[in-house]
Amino acid sequence: MELEQFVKARTEPKSSKYRTVNLDEDLHLFLKRTANHYNIALADLTYNILAHWKRQYQSDINRDIMNQFRD
C-alpha cells in the first residue's frame, strides 16, 4: 500500500471507521509496517524527522493557509 492510498483511505468522508483519525499516529504506524521489510529504526527516524519538521514549521504553514484564504 502506498502512502497516498493509505492517507486517502483514512481521510475519505465515506469511511466512518476512520472519520476521526490522528494522521500522525497512523503515519507512524504505516512507516513501521512498511519498515518490516527494511529496518524498524528507519521508520522511527523518518517519523521523528517529520514530527520535528511539523513542530518547527507548523505556525508558518498555518499562516500561509490563512493568507491563502484571505486573498
C-alpha atoms as a PDB file:
ATOM      1  CA  MET A   1       0.000   0.000   0.000  1.00  0.00           C
ATOM      2  CA  GLU A   2       1.360   3.373  -0.986  1.00  0.00           C
ATOM      3  CA  LEU A   3       1.268   6.355   1.354  1.00  0.00           C
ATOM      4  CA  GLU A   4      -1.160   8.226  -0.872  1.00  0.00           C
ATOM      5  CA  GLN A   5      -3.622   5.312  -0.834  1.00  0.00           C
ATOM      6  CA  PHE A   6      -3.239   4.958   2.920  1.00  0.00           C
ATOM      7  CA  VAL A   7      -3.978   8.625   3.592  1.00  0.00           C
ATOM      8  CA  LYS A   8      -6.931   8.605   1.191  1.00  0.00           C
ATOM      9  CA  ALA A   9      -8.437   5.525   2.856  1.00  0.00           C
ATOM     10  CA  ARG A  10      -8.076   7.069   6.312  1.00  0.00           C
ATOM     11  CA  THR A  11      -9.422  10.514   5.467  1.00  0.00           C
ATOM     12  CA  GLU A  12     -12.173   9.678   2.989  1.00  0.00           C
ATOM     13  CA  PRO A  13     -15.515  11.158   4.141  1.00  0.00           C
ATOM     14  CA  LYS A  14     -17.344   7.890   3.390  1.00  0.00           C
ATOM     15  CA  SER A  15     -15.087   5.956   5.724  1.00  0.00           C
ATOM     16  CA  SER A  16     -16.882   6.236   9.060  1.00  0.00           C
ATOM     17  CA  LYS A  17     -14.394   3.858  10.664  1.00  0.00           C
ATOM     18  CA  TYR A  18     -11.624   6.420  10.221  1.00  0.00           C
ATOM     19  CA  ARG A  19     -13.683   9.606  10.460  1.00  0.00           C
ATOM     20  CA  THR A  20     -11.703  10.957  13.411  1.00  0.00           C
ATOM     21  CA  VAL A  21      -8.185   9.926  12.597  1.00  0.00           C
ATOM     22  CA  ASN A  22      -4.954  11.103  14.114  1.00  0.00           C
ATOM     23  CA  LEU A  23      -2.857  11.135  10.992  1.00  0.00           C
ATOM     24  CA  ASP A  24       0.415  11.490  12.865  1.00  0.00           C
ATOM     25  CA  GLU A  25      -0.063   8.203  14.720  1.00  0.00           C
ATOM     26  CA  ASP A  26      -1.399   6.478  11.635  1.00  0.00           C
ATOM     27  CA  LEU A  27       1.520   7.741   9.595  1.00  0.00           C
ATOM     28  CA  HIS A  28       3.898   6.383  12.223  1.00  0.00           C
ATOM     29  CA  LEU A  29       2.117   3.009  12.144  1.00  0.00           C
ATOM     30  CA  PHE A  30       2.275   2.971   8.344  1.00  0.00           C
ATOM     31  CA  LEU A  31       6.005   3.687   8.382  1.00  0.00           C
ATOM     32  CA  LYS A  32       6.579   0.961  10.973  1.00  0.00           C
ATOM     33  CA  ARG A  33       4.629  -1.598   8.961  1.00  0.00           C
ATOM     34  CA  THR A  34       6.443  -0.805   5.739  1.00  0.00           C
ATOM     35  CA  ALA A  35       9.771  -0.844   7.564  1.00  0.00           C
ATOM     36  CA  ASN A  36       9.312  -4.508   8.467  1.00  0.00           C
ATOM     37  CA  HIS A  37      10.907  -5.278   5.128  1.00  0.00           C
ATOM     38  CA  TYR A  38      13.820  -2.956   5.837  1.00  0.00           C
ATOM     39  CA  ASN A  39      14.699  -1.685   9.284  1.00  0.00           C
ATOM     40  CA  ILE A  40      12.334  -0.639  12.063  1.00  0.00           C
ATOM     41  CA  ALA A  41      14.740   2.083  13.170  1.00  0.00           C
ATOM     42  CA  LEU A  42      14.334   3.695   9.745  1.00  0.00           C
ATOM     43  CA  ALA A  43      10.601   4.157  10.374  1.00  0.00           C
ATOM     44  CA  ASP A  44      11.224   5.732  13.763  1.00  0.00           C
ATOM     45  CA  LEU A  45      13.875   8.021  12.323  1.00  0.00           C
ATOM     46  CA  THR A  46      11.597   9.114   9.482  1.00  0.00           C
ATOM     47  CA  TYR A  47       8.711   9.736  11.883  1.00  0.00           C
ATOM     48  CA  ASN A  48      10.902  11.785  14.216  1.00  0.00           C
ATOM     49  CA  ILE A  49      12.170  13.884  11.314  1.00  0.00           C
ATOM     50  CA  LEU A  50       8.626  14.523  10.079  1.00  0.00           C
ATOM     51  CA  ALA A  51       7.354  15.303  13.578  1.00  0.00           C
ATOM     52  CA  HIS A  52      10.230  17.711  14.193  1.00  0.00           C
ATOM     53  CA  TRP A  53       9.661  19.385  10.830  1.00  0.00           C
ATOM     54  CA  LYS A  54       5.956  19.750  11.585  1.00  0.00           C
ATOM     55  CA  ARG A  55       6.611  21.267  15.033  1.00  0.00           C
ATOM     56  CA  GLN A  56       9.174  23.653  13.596  1.00  0.00           C
ATOM     57  CA  TYR A  57       7.136  24.854  10.623  1.00  0.00           C
ATOM     58  CA  GLN A  58       3.504  24.364  11.748  1.00  0.00           C
ATOM     59  CA  SER A  59       2.959  28.047  12.533  1.00  0.00           C
ATOM     60  CA  ASP A  60       4.385  29.052   9.134  1.00  0.00           C
ATOM     61  CA  ILE A  61       2.148  26.532   7.397  1.00  0.00           C
ATOM     62  CA  ASN A  62      -0.940  27.756   9.278  1.00  0.00           C
ATOM     63  CA  ARG A  63      -0.090  31.389   8.493  1.00  0.00           C
ATOM     64  CA  ASP A  64       0.333  30.574   4.794  1.00  0.00           C
ATOM     65  CA  ILE A  65      -3.008  28.757   4.738  1.00  0.00           C
ATOM     66  CA  MET A  66      -4.762  31.682   6.410  1.00  0.00           C
ATOM     67  CA  ASN A  67      -3.161  34.134   3.969  1.00  0.00           C
ATOM     68  CA  GLN A  68      -4.258  31.974   1.050  1.00  0.00           C
ATOM     69  CA  PHE A  69      -7.896  32.032   2.182  1.00  0.00           C
ATOM     70  CA  ARG A  70      -7.833  35.779   2.842  1.00  0.00           C
ATOM     71  CA  ASP A  71      -6.770  36.535  -0.724  1.00  0.00           C
END
